Amino acid sequence: MALVALLSMVLAAPALGLLCGALTDDALQRAVRAQHTQRRPTAAVVVREPLGSSRFAQDPESAVAEGTARTSVVARWTAPDGTVRAGRVVTASRTTTPGARIRIWTDDAGRAAQRPMDASTARTHAVLAGIGVTLLAAGLMETARRLVVRHMMQRRYIRLDMAWAETGPDWGRTGTGS
């Protein structure tokens, strides 16, 4: 039982992790390509800071990915069809005073969008998914091994108790033949 569990943890769990990581990477790389074709950087002009909000945006994933603080402002920009748009956007620009030019990302319709994911971030997510699946599979295999061993030990104790029940009352008495 221990050998089967060990081989499963050493061979099967990493194989599952590798398969999951590869499938996740393929899906995320397709998403990265789609985001890069659908989104483009656009110049915008800061109109003002948004009313009644914190100066920092509630976008911690982007801040970690870019390594910068993100600020929320109200800005104006020109959409691909030539119409002027305005709205609340999130920027990494340090200069956010009214009239400052900032770079934002827009989608095909000209709406403000999040920065597209880069390929290295997608690969990192895929690697982490593969590692997670490997650890989960190994943990499940170890749990199964422990349950099987526990069941085997319980059966062994039941058989031992039955054997003691047969010999136990006569054990140590003179003249009982034991």
Protein backbone atom coordinates (compact mmCIF):
# COMPACT_ATOMS: atom_id res chain seq x y z
CA MET A 1 0.00 0.00 0.00
CA ALA A 2 2.81 2.37 0.91
CA LEU A 3 4.63 1.65 -2.36
CA VAL A 4 1.52 2.32 -4.45
CA ALA A 5 0.87 5.58 -2.59
CA LEU A 6 4.50 6.67 -2.93
CA LEU A 7 4.58 5.95 -6.68
CA SER A 8 1.27 7.76 -7.11
CA MET A 9 2.56 10.81 -5.26
CA VAL A 10 5.87 10.82 -7.10
CA LEU A 11 4.57 10.08 -10.60
CA ALA A 12 0.82 10.65 -10.92
CA ALA A 13 0.49 13.87 -8.89
CA PRO A 14 3.19 15.76 -10.85
CA ALA A 15 1.75 14.46 -14.12
CA LEU A 16 -1.68 15.83 -13.17
CA GLY A 17 -0.09 19.12 -12.14
CA LEU A 18 1.80 19.35 -15.42
CA LEU A 19 -1.34 18.61 -17.43
CA CYS A 20 -3.37 21.17 -15.48
CA GLY A 21 -0.63 23.78 -15.78
CA ALA A 22 -0.32 23.24 -19.54
CA LEU A 23 -4.08 23.45 -20.11
CA THR A 24 -4.33 26.55 -17.92
CA ASP A 25 -1.40 28.17 -19.72
CA ASP A 26 -3.00 27.52 -23.12
CA ALA A 27 -6.29 29.05 -22.00
CA LEU A 28 -4.63 32.06 -20.37
CA GLN A 29 -2.35 32.71 -23.37
CA ARG A 30 -5.43 32.72 -25.63
CA ALA A 31 -7.05 35.21 -23.24
CA VAL A 32 -3.89 37.36 -23.30
CA ARG A 33 -3.89 37.43 -27.12
CA ALA A 34 -7.60 38.28 -27.18
CA GLN A 35 -7.16 41.08 -24.63
CA HIS A 36 -4.23 42.56 -26.56
CA THR A 37 -6.25 42.61 -29.79
CA GLN A 38 -9.36 44.08 -28.12
CA ARG A 39 -7.71 46.73 -25.94
CA ARG A 40 -5.43 49.63 -26.79
CA PRO A 41 -3.68 52.39 -24.90
CA THR A 42 -5.32 55.78 -25.24
CA ALA A 43 -4.32 59.26 -24.14
CA ALA A 44 -6.75 60.88 -21.73
CA VAL A 45 -6.91 64.21 -19.93
CA VAL A 46 -7.66 64.33 -16.21
CA VAL A 47 -10.80 66.36 -15.50
CA ARG A 48 -10.90 65.99 -11.69
CA GLU A 49 -10.65 63.54 -8.85
CA PRO A 50 -13.84 61.53 -8.30
CA LEU A 51 -16.20 62.88 -5.66
CA GLY A 52 -16.64 60.97 -2.40
CA SER A 53 -14.00 58.33 -2.99
CA SER A 54 -10.62 57.33 -1.77
CA ARG A 55 -7.63 58.60 -3.73
CA PHE A 56 -6.42 55.04 -4.33
CA ALA A 57 -8.26 52.62 -6.57
CA GLN A 58 -9.69 49.38 -5.31
CA ASP A 59 -7.66 47.32 -7.77
CA PRO A 60 -5.02 45.49 -5.68
CA GLU A 61 -4.25 42.87 -8.37
CA SER A 62 -3.21 45.52 -10.86
CA ALA A 63 -1.14 47.33 -8.24
CA VAL A 64 0.74 44.13 -7.41
CA ALA A 65 1.20 43.16 -11.07
CA GLU A 66 2.55 46.55 -12.05
CA GLY A 67 4.29 47.31 -8.76
CA THR A 68 2.73 50.77 -8.59
CA ALA A 69 -0.09 52.48 -6.76
CA ARG A 70 -3.19 53.01 -8.85
CA THR A 71 -5.17 56.24 -8.63
CA SER A 72 -8.78 56.75 -9.61
CA VAL A 73 -9.64 59.96 -11.52
CA VAL A 74 -12.33 61.33 -13.81
CA ALA A 75 -10.87 61.75 -17.29
CA ARG A 76 -11.85 62.59 -20.88
CA TRP A 77 -10.61 60.70 -23.97
CA THR A 78 -11.45 60.16 -27.62
CA ALA A 79 -12.92 56.79 -28.65
CA PRO A 80 -11.84 55.02 -31.88
CA ASP A 81 -15.04 56.24 -33.60
CA GLY A 82 -14.09 59.87 -32.82
CA THR A 83 -16.59 60.53 -30.04
CA VAL A 84 -15.38 62.16 -26.85
CA ARG A 85 -15.88 59.99 -23.77
CA ALA A 86 -15.56 60.81 -20.09
CA GLY A 87 -15.67 58.69 -17.01
CA ARG A 88 -13.93 57.35 -13.98
CA VAL A 89 -10.66 55.59 -14.83
CA VAL A 90 -7.81 54.03 -12.93
CA THR A 91 -4.27 55.08 -13.74
CA ALA A 92 -0.73 54.39 -12.55
CA SER A 93 0.33 57.92 -13.46
CA ARG A 94 1.86 59.93 -10.64
CA THR A 95 0.55 63.20 -12.08
CA THR A 96 -3.23 63.33 -11.68
CA THR A 97 -3.90 67.04 -11.40
CA PRO A 98 -6.67 68.42 -13.62
CA GLY A 99 -5.38 68.91 -17.18
CA ALA A 100 -2.64 66.27 -16.89
CA ARG A 101 -2.33 63.76 -19.72
CA ILE A 102 -2.49 60.13 -18.65
CA ARG A 103 -2.49 56.79 -20.42
CA ILE A 104 -5.55 54.54 -20.05
CA TRP A 105 -6.69 51.37 -21.78
CA THR A 106 -9.89 51.27 -23.82
CA ASP A 107 -11.79 48.47 -25.52
CA ASP A 108 -12.94 48.37 -29.16
CA ALA A 109 -16.03 50.43 -28.30
CA GLY A 110 -13.96 53.15 -26.62
CA ARG A 111 -14.98 52.30 -23.06
CA ALA A 112 -12.33 52.41 -20.34
CA ALA A 113 -10.96 48.93 -19.65
CA GLN A 114 -8.38 47.28 -17.43
CA ARG A 115 -4.85 46.87 -18.70
CA PRO A 116 -4.56 43.58 -20.59
CA MET A 117 -2.77 40.74 -18.84
CA ASP A 118 0.77 40.13 -20.05
CA ALA A 119 2.08 36.71 -21.07
CA SER A 120 4.43 36.34 -18.10
CA THR A 121 1.63 36.97 -15.61
CA ALA A 122 -0.51 34.37 -17.38
CA ARG A 123 2.37 31.87 -17.26
CA THR A 124 2.85 32.54 -13.53
CA HIS A 125 -0.84 31.87 -12.89
CA ALA A 126 -0.60 28.63 -14.89
CA VAL A 127 2.46 27.47 -12.95
CA LEU A 128 0.72 28.21 -9.65
CA ALA A 129 -2.35 26.27 -10.81
CA GLY A 130 -0.15 23.30 -11.73
CA ILE A 131 1.62 23.39 -8.37
CA GLY A 132 -1.73 23.60 -6.60
CA VAL A 133 -3.11 20.59 -8.47
CA THR A 134 0.07 18.62 -7.74
CA LEU A 135 -0.19 19.35 -4.02
CA LEU A 136 -3.91 18.64 -3.96
CA ALA A 137 -3.48 15.32 -5.77
CA ALA A 138 -0.65 14.26 -3.47
CA GLY A 139 -2.71 15.24 -0.43
CA LEU A 140 -5.72 13.26 -1.66
CA MET A 141 -3.53 10.22 -2.32
CA GLU A 142 -2.01 10.43 1.16
CA THR A 143 -5.48 10.78 2.67
CA ALA A 144 -6.67 7.71 0.75
CA ARG A 145 -3.60 5.76 1.90
CA ARG A 146 -4.23 6.68 5.51
CA LEU A 147 -7.90 5.67 5.28
CA VAL A 148 -7.01 2.29 3.77
CA VAL A 149 -4.32 1.64 6.39
CA ARG A 150 -6.74 2.65 9.15
CA HIS A 151 -9.36 0.25 7.79
CA MET A 152 -6.75 -2.55 7.60
CA MET A 153 -5.67 -1.88 11.20
CA GLN A 154 -9.27 -1.94 12.43
CA ARG A 155 -9.84 -5.30 10.74
CA ARG A 156 -6.61 -6.60 12.28
CA TYR A 157 -7.70 -5.48 15.76
CA ILE A 158 -11.10 -7.13 15.29
CA ARG A 159 -9.40 -10.42 14.32
CA LEU A 160 -7.01 -10.11 17.29
CA ASP A 161 -9.92 -9.46 19.67
CA MET A 162 -11.74 -12.53 18.32
CA ALA A 163 -8.62 -14.66 18.85
CA TRP A 164 -8.21 -13.37 22.42
CA ALA A 165 -11.90 -14.02 23.08
CA GLU A 166 -11.42 -17.67 22.18
CA THR A 167 -8.32 -18.19 24.35
CA GLY A 168 -8.65 -15.43 26.87
CA PRO A 169 -10.96 -17.01 29.49
CA ASP A 170 -8.75 -20.11 29.81
CA TRP A 171 -5.43 -18.37 29.60
CA GLY A 172 -3.26 -18.96 32.63
CA ARG A 173 -5.57 -21.43 34.45
CA THR A 174 -4.21 -24.77 35.51
CA GLY A 175 -5.64 -27.84 33.96
CA THR A 176 -7.18 -26.08 30.94
CA GLY A 177 -4.62 -27.44 28.49
CA SER A 178 -3.02 -24.14 27.70
